[in-house]
Amino acid sequence: MPGRATESWRNWAGNQRADGIRRVHPSGTGEIAELLRRSAEAGVRVRPIGSGHSFTAIGRPEDVQLVLDRHAGLVDVSPDGLVTVQAGMPLHRLNAELAARGWALTNLGDVDRQTVSGALSTGTHGTGGRFGGLATQLRALELVLADGSVLRCSAEENPAVFAAARIGLGALGVLSTVTLQAVPAFALRADEGPGRLPALLEDFDAFMTSTDHVEFYWFPHTDRCLVKRNTRVPLSDGLSPLPRWRAFWDDEVLANAGLGAVVATGRRVPALVPRLARISAGALGERTLTDTSHRVFVSRRRVRFREMEYAVPRAAGAELLREIGRAVDTAGWRIPFPVEVRVAAADDIPLSTASGRDVAYVAVHVPARSDPGDYFTTVEAIATAMGGRPHWGKLHGLDAAALRQRYPRFDEFTALRDRLDPHGVLSNAHLDRVLGPVGSGRG
């Protein structure tokens, strides 16, 4: 790799940057393998990147950035719904490819701009008391190791690597292809409207499991919430999407332009934020619609922000929100973004935030150009006291020593990393902090 590295990179939120790097765009597993082999021989580090939607420095390159935009095709869809794609395919393209063939992913997060590999590697999830994150839909994967060798993994082939690599942080190897289990296409009936936080927290678990996919957004400085309840229904029952004008008004004018105006005004005059929050919450109306699943799961995010999200045992979800509310009331912060609340089912993935337990997710946000300051620090302290685990792609302050206490299988993962990438070719400073340097594990 001759020549001087001169390129730059920044993530979606703009809070992670790198200069003086080399960006490469391999096409095909063979080119990925050759790049890694040559990098290992040259003693340089490589970080794979998808859309750059993570807020942490997990994708920040130090020497070489491996961009998968030329490795993003559909490989196969089997008659039983096993869909294999190259790992750089964005989720919105995958959703469209599946819908055209009568299939869908059983659950999604509320953003679809990530690549499949990035979403899997950082533990992307949606909401639903009976449903796991995206990685629970994974059935097989092809992993290019740091030395350029290729490992095919599933529950039957290299099962230990498959178990860990479902959420691998890009630390075990570079995902080349992934195979996900799709389900027959279905619709969601969305019932949305205002709610009051005390009522939602009174029997939190019953409310969050009252239908298939439940979430709500609480507006700090008020007790008001936007509630979303999505129920799975057959496509044969018919669709009833919003009229185009109503969808534009609700999702573009109110949700995006309105939030952008609140954020901009709040930056100029912070004292107005509580009043603006009450106005925003008061503007919420009820609506019901039925549309194809991916159109309902996903929301367009045009206002950029920084985010921290913690997963706590589901039984602790209500108390976490009460504690955050008390902190907001006493600290004098001005919080223009609503707090997002979701749930998910337990899984068996070593580094999943839902590993071994049903969880409640609570996400807090600040404008992209703002310092989260004491707000994030305080929320993190409350969540960690409840045994919380931070989302791998979202801001947090924990290191390997603290995370080891949160994940019973942490050392199992780091031992596997030591074996598959003994020279840390795929590491960076962030992974050295959250996993420990290569070779420092206890496994």
Protein backbone atom coordinates (compact mmCIF):
# COMPACT_ATOMS: atom_id res chain seq x y z
CA MET A 1 0.00 0.00 0.00
CA PRO A 2 2.35 2.72 -1.21
CA GLY A 3 1.78 6.44 -0.98
CA ARG A 4 0.72 8.81 1.73
CA ALA A 5 -2.69 8.44 3.39
CA THR A 6 -4.50 11.76 3.07
CA GLU A 7 -8.24 11.10 3.25
CA SER A 8 -10.70 12.15 5.96
CA TRP A 9 -13.82 10.66 7.52
CA ARG A 10 -16.62 11.74 9.85
CA ASN A 11 -19.61 9.86 11.20
CA TRP A 12 -23.30 10.72 10.75
CA ALA A 13 -23.49 12.86 13.89
CA GLY A 14 -20.16 14.60 13.20
CA ASN A 15 -18.73 13.82 16.64
CA GLN A 16 -16.20 11.24 15.37
CA ARG A 17 -13.55 12.23 12.82
CA ALA A 18 -10.32 10.92 11.36
CA ASP A 19 -7.76 12.56 9.07
CA GLY A 20 -4.72 11.23 7.27
CA ILE A 21 -6.23 7.80 6.63
CA ARG A 22 -6.54 5.55 3.60
CA ARG A 23 -10.08 4.58 2.51
CA VAL A 24 -10.43 1.43 0.42
CA HIS A 25 -13.54 0.05 -1.33
CA PRO A 26 -13.10 -3.68 -1.97
CA SER A 27 -15.50 -5.60 -4.18
CA GLY A 28 -15.91 -9.26 -3.32
CA THR A 29 -14.64 -11.46 -0.53
CA GLY A 30 -11.33 -12.04 -2.31
CA GLU A 31 -10.47 -8.34 -2.34
CA ILE A 32 -11.41 -7.98 1.34
CA ALA A 33 -9.19 -10.95 2.19
CA GLU A 34 -6.25 -9.58 0.17
CA LEU A 35 -6.56 -6.17 1.84
CA LEU A 36 -6.48 -7.71 5.31
CA ARG A 37 -3.57 -9.99 4.47
CA ARG A 38 -1.48 -7.10 3.15
CA SER A 39 -2.42 -4.88 6.09
CA ALA A 40 -1.38 -7.55 8.58
CA GLU A 41 1.96 -7.91 6.80
CA ALA A 42 2.46 -4.12 6.84
CA GLY A 43 1.53 -3.82 10.52
CA VAL A 44 -1.34 -1.36 9.96
CA ARG A 45 -4.76 -1.41 11.53
CA VAL A 46 -7.98 -1.74 9.53
CA ARG A 47 -11.50 -0.75 10.61
CA PRO A 48 -14.54 -1.77 8.56
CA ILE A 49 -17.26 0.88 8.27
CA GLY A 50 -20.85 0.92 7.10
CA SER A 51 -22.95 4.10 7.10
CA GLY A 52 -21.09 5.66 10.04
CA HIS A 53 -24.30 5.89 12.08
CA SER A 54 -22.64 4.87 15.37
CA PHE A 55 -22.01 7.68 17.83
CA THR A 56 -19.06 5.95 19.52
CA ALA A 57 -15.61 5.69 17.96
CA ILE A 58 -16.19 1.99 17.20
CA GLY A 59 -15.72 2.61 13.46
CA ARG A 60 -13.05 5.29 13.71
CA PRO A 61 -10.03 4.29 11.56
CA GLU A 62 -6.45 4.85 12.59
CA ASP A 63 -4.69 3.67 9.42
CA VAL A 64 -7.03 2.06 6.87
CA GLN A 65 -10.81 2.28 6.60
CA LEU A 66 -12.52 -0.58 4.80
CA VAL A 67 -15.70 0.75 3.14
CA LEU A 68 -18.20 -1.87 2.00
CA ASP A 69 -20.22 0.24 -0.45
CA ARG A 70 -18.97 -1.84 -3.41
CA HIS A 71 -19.73 -5.08 -1.59
CA ALA A 72 -23.47 -4.64 -1.17
CA GLY A 73 -25.38 -7.02 -3.44
CA LEU A 74 -28.17 -9.53 -2.95
CA VAL A 75 -26.76 -13.06 -3.17
CA ASP A 76 -29.80 -15.33 -2.74
CA VAL A 77 -33.31 -15.68 -1.33
CA SER A 78 -34.25 -19.30 -0.74
CA PRO A 79 -37.80 -20.70 -0.96
CA ASP A 80 -37.92 -20.87 2.86
CA GLY A 81 -36.93 -17.24 3.34
CA LEU A 82 -33.21 -17.49 4.01
CA VAL A 83 -31.82 -14.30 2.51
CA THR A 84 -28.08 -13.97 1.90
CA VAL A 85 -26.59 -10.55 1.17
CA GLN A 86 -23.18 -9.00 0.95
CA ALA A 87 -22.53 -7.24 4.22
CA GLY A 88 -22.42 -3.68 2.86
CA MET A 89 -26.05 -3.66 1.73
CA PRO A 90 -28.05 -0.91 3.49
CA LEU A 91 -31.10 -2.04 5.42
CA HIS A 92 -33.46 0.11 3.35
CA ARG A 93 -32.35 -1.69 0.19
CA LEU A 94 -32.66 -5.07 1.86
CA ASN A 95 -36.20 -4.23 2.99
CA ALA A 96 -37.13 -3.27 -0.57
CA GLU A 97 -35.57 -6.43 -2.04
CA LEU A 98 -37.46 -8.60 0.43
CA ALA A 99 -40.78 -6.81 -0.04
CA ALA A 100 -40.54 -7.29 -3.81
CA ARG A 101 -40.29 -11.04 -3.21
CA GLY A 102 -43.01 -11.33 -0.56
CA TRP A 103 -40.70 -11.48 2.48
CA ALA A 104 -39.81 -9.24 5.43
CA LEU A 105 -37.52 -9.12 8.44
CA THR A 106 -39.52 -9.97 11.52
CA ASN A 107 -38.37 -6.93 13.49
CA LEU A 108 -36.44 -3.75 12.72
CA GLY A 109 -35.08 -0.70 14.45
CA ASP A 110 -36.46 2.74 13.65
CA VAL A 111 -33.57 3.70 11.33
CA ASP A 112 -32.80 1.91 8.06
CA ARG A 113 -29.78 3.84 6.77
CA GLN A 114 -27.23 1.47 8.39
CA THR A 115 -25.56 -1.31 6.47
CA VAL A 116 -26.53 -4.85 7.39
CA SER A 117 -23.02 -5.50 8.75
CA GLY A 118 -22.93 -2.33 10.85
CA ALA A 119 -26.39 -2.91 12.29
CA LEU A 120 -25.58 -6.51 13.20
CA SER A 121 -22.13 -5.76 14.59
CA THR A 122 -23.31 -3.09 17.04
CA GLY A 123 -26.45 -4.83 18.28
CA THR A 124 -29.19 -2.85 16.53
CA HIS A 125 -32.65 -3.66 17.87
CA GLY A 126 -36.25 -2.61 17.60
CA THR A 127 -38.99 -3.06 20.15
CA GLY A 128 -41.29 -5.92 21.12
CA GLY A 129 -41.51 -7.99 24.28
CA ARG A 130 -41.43 -11.25 22.31
CA PHE A 131 -38.78 -10.20 19.78
CA GLY A 132 -35.00 -10.01 19.83
CA GLY A 133 -32.64 -7.66 18.03
CA LEU A 134 -31.57 -7.94 14.42
CA ALA A 135 -28.78 -10.41 15.26
CA THR A 136 -31.31 -13.01 16.49
CA GLN A 137 -32.49 -13.30 12.87
CA LEU A 138 -28.99 -14.28 11.69
CA ARG A 139 -28.55 -17.89 10.52
CA ALA A 140 -25.09 -17.92 8.91
CA LEU A 141 -22.21 -15.60 8.11
CA GLU A 142 -18.92 -15.47 6.25
CA LEU A 143 -16.10 -13.88 8.21
CA VAL A 144 -12.80 -12.70 6.71
CA LEU A 145 -10.15 -12.99 9.40
CA ALA A 146 -7.25 -10.61 9.99
CA ASP A 147 -4.81 -12.94 8.22
CA GLY A 148 -6.99 -13.04 5.08
CA SER A 149 -8.46 -16.48 5.65
CA VAL A 150 -12.23 -16.95 5.27
CA LEU A 151 -14.38 -18.69 7.88
CA ARG A 152 -17.96 -19.81 7.21
CA CYS A 153 -20.01 -19.93 10.36
CA SER A 154 -23.44 -21.12 11.45
CA ALA A 155 -24.96 -23.12 14.30
CA GLU A 156 -23.51 -26.23 12.64
CA GLU A 157 -20.24 -24.91 11.19
CA ASN A 158 -17.78 -23.14 13.52
CA PRO A 159 -20.63 -22.68 16.04
CA ALA A 160 -18.53 -20.96 18.74
CA VAL A 161 -17.44 -18.26 16.31
CA PHE A 162 -20.98 -17.90 14.97
CA ALA A 163 -22.38 -17.48 18.47
CA ALA A 164 -20.06 -14.57 19.22
CA ALA A 165 -19.81 -12.97 15.76
CA ARG A 166 -23.55 -12.30 15.58
CA ILE A 167 -22.67 -9.14 17.53
CA GLY A 168 -18.94 -8.95 16.91
CA LEU A 169 -18.18 -5.20 16.98
CA GLY A 170 -16.03 -5.73 13.88
CA ALA A 171 -13.41 -7.12 16.28
CA LEU A 172 -13.38 -10.79 15.23
CA GLY A 173 -13.17 -10.33 11.48
CA VAL A 174 -14.85 -8.51 8.61
CA LEU A 175 -18.34 -9.72 7.76
CA SER A 176 -18.44 -10.58 4.06
CA THR A 177 -21.87 -12.16 3.64
CA VAL A 178 -24.70 -12.75 6.09
CA THR A 179 -27.75 -14.99 5.94
CA LEU A 180 -30.88 -13.84 7.74
CA GLN A 181 -34.15 -15.67 8.31
CA ALA A 182 -36.95 -13.67 6.74
CA VAL A 183 -40.67 -14.26 7.32
CA PRO A 184 -43.62 -13.95 4.95
CA ALA A 185 -44.39 -10.27 4.39
CA PHE A 186 -46.86 -8.82 6.88
CA ALA A 187 -48.45 -5.52 7.78
CA LEU A 188 -48.53 -3.49 10.98
CA ARG A 189 -51.52 -1.64 12.33
CA ALA A 190 -50.08 1.43 14.03
CA ASP A 191 -52.05 3.13 16.79
CA GLU A 192 -50.32 6.33 17.87
CA GLY A 193 -51.31 9.10 20.23
CA PRO A 194 -50.58 11.00 23.43
CA GLY A 195 -49.99 9.42 26.82
CA ARG A 196 -49.01 10.43 30.34
CA LEU A 197 -45.79 9.14 31.84
CA PRO A 198 -47.15 8.26 35.33
CA ALA A 199 -49.87 6.09 33.76
CA LEU A 200 -47.40 4.32 31.46
CA LEU A 201 -45.05 3.56 34.36
CA GLU A 202 -47.78 2.33 36.72
CA ASP A 203 -47.68 -1.14 35.13
CA PHE A 204 -44.76 -0.71 32.76
CA ASP A 205 -44.34 -4.36 31.78
CA ALA A 206 -48.03 -4.89 31.05
CA PHE A 207 -48.16 -1.80 28.87
CA MET A 208 -44.94 -2.53 26.96
CA THR A 209 -46.19 -6.05 26.15
CA SER A 210 -49.82 -5.06 25.44
CA THR A 211 -49.33 -5.70 21.73
CA ASP A 212 -46.55 -6.92 19.46
CA HIS A 213 -44.35 -3.80 19.26
CA VAL A 214 -44.73 -0.96 21.77
CA GLU A 215 -42.59 2.12 22.33
CA PHE A 216 -43.03 5.62 23.63
CA TYR A 217 -41.25 8.95 23.63
CA TRP A 218 -41.30 11.01 26.82
CA PHE A 219 -40.83 14.78 26.61
CA PRO A 220 -38.61 15.93 29.51
CA HIS A 221 -39.92 18.93 31.50
CA THR A 222 -43.44 17.49 31.05
CA ASP A 223 -45.27 14.27 31.93
CA ARG A 224 -46.41 13.86 28.33
CA CYS A 225 -45.48 11.10 25.89
CA LEU A 226 -46.04 10.00 22.32
CA VAL A 227 -47.15 6.36 22.39
CA LYS A 228 -46.73 3.96 19.46
CA ARG A 229 -48.41 0.53 19.47
CA ASN A 230 -47.86 -1.66 16.39
CA THR A 231 -49.86 -4.88 15.91
CA ARG A 232 -48.92 -7.50 13.32
CA VAL A 233 -51.74 -8.21 10.85
CA PRO A 234 -51.90 -10.21 7.59
CA LEU A 235 -51.35 -8.33 4.35
CA SER A 236 -54.54 -9.98 3.10
CA ASP A 237 -56.54 -7.84 5.55
CA GLY A 238 -55.66 -4.84 3.39
CA LEU A 239 -53.58 -1.70 3.86
CA SER A 240 -54.75 1.71 5.03
CA PRO A 241 -51.72 4.03 4.93
CA LEU A 242 -51.96 7.70 5.78
CA PRO A 243 -52.92 10.07 2.97
CA ARG A 244 -49.78 11.56 1.46
CA TRP A 245 -50.54 15.05 2.81
CA ARG A 246 -51.07 13.75 6.36
CA ALA A 247 -47.88 11.67 6.28
CA PHE A 248 -45.94 14.72 5.07
CA TRP A 249 -47.46 16.97 7.73
CA ASP A 250 -46.92 14.52 10.61
CA ASP A 251 -43.54 13.08 9.70
CA GLU A 252 -41.80 15.92 7.89
CA VAL A 253 -43.37 19.12 9.22
CA LEU A 254 -44.12 18.19 12.83
CA ALA A 255 -41.60 15.41 13.56
CA ASN A 256 -38.59 16.76 11.65
CA ALA A 257 -39.02 20.46 10.85
CA GLY A 258 -40.81 21.07 14.16
CA LEU A 259 -38.14 19.29 16.18
CA GLY A 260 -35.44 21.13 14.25
CA ALA A 261 -37.05 24.45 15.15
CA VAL A 262 -37.30 23.46 18.82
CA VAL A 263 -33.63 22.45 18.88
CA ALA A 264 -32.48 25.63 17.13
CA THR A 265 -34.56 27.87 19.39
CA GLY A 266 -33.43 26.02 22.48
CA ARG A 267 -29.78 26.53 21.53
CA ARG A 268 -30.34 30.27 21.25
CA VAL A 269 -32.60 30.64 24.31
CA PRO A 270 -32.21 27.60 26.62
CA ALA A 271 -34.78 28.96 29.08
CA LEU A 272 -37.50 28.39 26.47
CA VAL A 273 -36.90 24.62 26.21
CA PRO A 274 -39.42 23.53 28.93
CA ARG A 275 -42.15 25.70 27.35
CA LEU A 276 -41.31 24.40 23.87
CA ALA A 277 -41.46 20.83 25.18
CA ARG A 278 -44.98 21.44 26.47
CA ILE A 279 -46.01 22.95 23.14
CA SER A 280 -44.50 20.06 21.18
CA ALA A 281 -46.16 17.46 23.39
CA GLY A 282 -49.48 19.32 23.18
CA ALA A 283 -49.37 19.21 19.38
CA LEU A 284 -49.56 15.41 19.36
CA GLY A 285 -52.71 13.93 17.90
CA GLU A 286 -54.04 10.42 17.51
CA ARG A 287 -53.64 8.49 14.29
CA THR A 288 -54.19 4.94 13.08
CA LEU A 289 -52.77 3.43 9.92
CA THR A 290 -51.94 0.05 8.44
CA ASP A 291 -48.99 -0.40 6.10
CA THR A 292 -46.27 -2.90 5.18
CA SER A 293 -44.08 -3.70 8.16
CA HIS A 294 -40.87 -1.94 7.20
CA ARG A 295 -42.73 1.28 6.38
CA VAL A 296 -44.19 1.35 9.89
CA PHE A 297 -41.09 0.21 11.80
CA VAL A 298 -38.85 2.87 10.25
CA SER A 299 -38.92 6.64 10.88
CA ARG A 300 -36.97 9.25 8.94
CA ARG A 301 -34.44 11.13 11.12
CA ARG A 302 -33.43 14.46 9.59
CA VAL A 303 -32.41 16.31 12.77
CA ARG A 304 -28.94 15.15 13.78
CA PHE A 305 -28.15 14.32 17.39
CA ARG A 306 -25.89 12.45 19.78
CA GLU A 307 -27.36 9.50 21.62
CA MET A 308 -26.75 7.29 24.62
CA GLU A 309 -28.88 4.18 25.20
CA TYR A 310 -28.86 1.74 28.10
CA ALA A 311 -30.50 -1.66 28.42
CA VAL A 312 -31.62 -2.49 31.96
CA PRO A 313 -33.51 -5.53 33.25
CA ARG A 314 -37.09 -4.98 32.17
CA ALA A 315 -38.31 -4.90 35.76
CA ALA A 316 -36.08 -1.84 36.34
CA GLY A 317 -37.33 0.15 33.35
CA ALA A 318 -39.99 2.17 35.16
CA GLU A 319 -37.69 3.11 38.03
CA LEU A 320 -34.95 4.17 35.62
CA LEU A 321 -37.36 6.61 33.97
CA ARG A 322 -38.56 7.93 37.32
CA GLU A 323 -34.96 8.53 38.39
CA ILE A 324 -34.17 10.33 35.14
CA GLY A 325 -37.28 12.46 35.63
CA ARG A 326 -36.18 13.43 39.13
CA ALA A 327 -32.72 14.31 37.85
CA VAL A 328 -34.13 16.50 35.07
CA ASP A 329 -36.39 18.30 37.56
CA THR A 330 -33.55 19.14 39.95
CA ALA A 331 -30.49 19.63 37.73
CA GLY A 332 -31.58 22.63 35.67
CA TRP A 333 -30.80 20.98 32.32
CA ARG A 334 -32.68 22.00 29.19
CA ILE A 335 -33.49 18.86 27.19
CA PRO A 336 -35.06 19.51 23.76
CA PHE A 337 -35.16 15.87 22.60
CA PRO A 338 -37.68 13.30 23.82
CA VAL A 339 -36.47 10.15 25.60
CA GLU A 340 -37.11 6.93 23.66
CA VAL A 341 -38.32 3.80 25.50
CA ARG A 342 -38.45 0.27 24.04
CA VAL A 343 -38.25 -3.37 25.17
CA ALA A 344 -36.81 -6.61 23.77
CA ALA A 345 -36.70 -10.31 24.58
CA ALA A 346 -33.70 -12.11 26.03
CA ASP A 347 -31.23 -13.82 23.69
CA ASP A 348 -28.09 -15.98 23.95
CA ILE A 349 -25.53 -13.76 22.16
CA PRO A 350 -22.44 -13.09 24.33
CA LEU A 351 -22.19 -9.33 23.76
CA SER A 352 -25.89 -8.61 23.23
CA THR A 353 -27.38 -6.00 25.53
CA ALA A 354 -30.23 -8.51 25.98
CA SER A 355 -27.97 -11.51 26.63
CA GLY A 356 -29.66 -13.73 29.19
CA ARG A 357 -32.43 -11.31 30.22
CA ASP A 358 -35.49 -9.43 29.00
CA VAL A 359 -34.63 -5.75 28.80
CA ALA A 360 -35.99 -2.22 28.67
CA TYR A 361 -34.08 0.25 26.51
CA VAL A 362 -33.97 3.93 27.43
CA ALA A 363 -32.28 6.31 24.99
CA VAL A 364 -31.40 9.95 25.65
CA HIS A 365 -30.33 12.52 23.07
CA VAL A 366 -28.81 15.97 22.68
CA PRO A 367 -28.32 18.07 19.52
CA ALA A 368 -25.39 16.91 17.39
CA ARG A 369 -23.28 19.97 18.14
CA SER A 370 -24.00 19.97 21.88
CA ASP A 371 -21.93 18.61 24.73
CA PRO A 372 -23.99 15.93 26.54
CA GLY A 373 -22.24 16.96 29.76
CA ASP A 374 -23.82 16.07 33.09
CA TYR A 375 -27.05 14.85 31.45
CA PHE A 376 -25.46 11.75 29.92
CA THR A 377 -23.12 11.27 32.88
CA THR A 378 -26.01 11.25 35.33
CA VAL A 379 -28.23 8.99 33.25
CA GLU A 380 -25.30 6.58 32.85
CA ALA A 381 -24.70 6.50 36.60
CA ILE A 382 -28.38 5.73 37.27
CA ALA A 383 -28.50 3.01 34.59
CA THR A 384 -25.24 1.33 35.61
CA ALA A 385 -26.40 1.18 39.23
CA MET A 386 -29.29 -0.93 37.90
CA GLY A 387 -26.95 -3.27 36.02
CA GLY A 388 -27.42 -1.47 32.72
CA ARG A 389 -25.50 -2.30 29.55
CA PRO A 390 -24.76 0.43 27.00
CA HIS A 391 -25.56 0.06 23.32
CA TRP A 392 -22.25 -0.63 21.54
CA GLY A 393 -22.87 2.03 18.90
CA LYS A 394 -24.01 4.78 21.26
CA LEU A 395 -22.12 7.04 23.62
CA HIS A 396 -21.06 5.75 27.02
CA GLY A 397 -18.13 5.97 29.38
CA LEU A 398 -17.55 2.34 30.42
CA ASP A 399 -14.30 0.47 29.87
CA ALA A 400 -13.44 -3.24 29.69
CA ALA A 401 -13.20 -3.61 33.48
CA ALA A 402 -16.72 -2.26 33.96
CA LEU A 403 -18.22 -4.07 30.96
CA ARG A 404 -16.77 -7.38 32.12
CA GLN A 405 -19.02 -7.09 35.18
CA ARG A 406 -22.08 -6.57 32.98
CA TYR A 407 -21.52 -9.48 30.59
CA PRO A 408 -21.09 -13.01 32.01
CA ARG A 409 -19.57 -14.17 28.69
CA PHE A 410 -17.26 -11.18 28.19
CA ASP A 411 -14.05 -13.21 28.64
CA GLU A 412 -15.34 -15.84 26.22
CA PHE A 413 -15.59 -13.13 23.56
CA THR A 414 -12.19 -11.56 24.25
CA ALA A 415 -10.48 -14.98 24.22
CA LEU A 416 -11.98 -15.64 20.79
CA ARG A 417 -10.79 -12.22 19.63
CA ASP A 418 -7.26 -13.01 20.83
CA ARG A 419 -7.32 -16.22 18.80
CA LEU A 420 -8.78 -14.82 15.58
CA ASP A 421 -6.88 -11.50 15.54
CA PRO A 422 -3.79 -12.01 17.73
CA HIS A 423 -2.02 -8.89 16.44
CA GLY A 424 -4.97 -6.51 16.74
CA VAL A 425 -5.17 -5.72 13.03
CA LEU A 426 -8.90 -5.00 13.36
CA SER A 427 -8.68 -2.97 16.55
CA ASN A 428 -8.59 0.72 17.32
CA ALA A 429 -8.29 2.83 20.47
CA HIS A 430 -12.00 2.53 21.22
CA LEU A 431 -11.99 -1.28 21.07
CA ASP A 432 -8.83 -1.32 23.17
CA ARG A 433 -10.82 0.59 25.79
CA VAL A 434 -14.09 -1.35 25.76
CA LEU A 435 -12.62 -4.84 25.21
CA GLY A 436 -9.10 -4.32 26.50
CA PRO A 437 -6.03 -4.51 24.24
CA VAL A 438 -5.64 -7.74 22.29
CA GLY A 439 -4.00 -10.33 24.55
CA SER A 440 -5.19 -8.74 27.79
CA GLY A 441 -8.27 -10.94 28.25
CA ARG A 442 -8.75 -13.52 30.96
CA GLY A 443 -9.95 -16.30 28.68
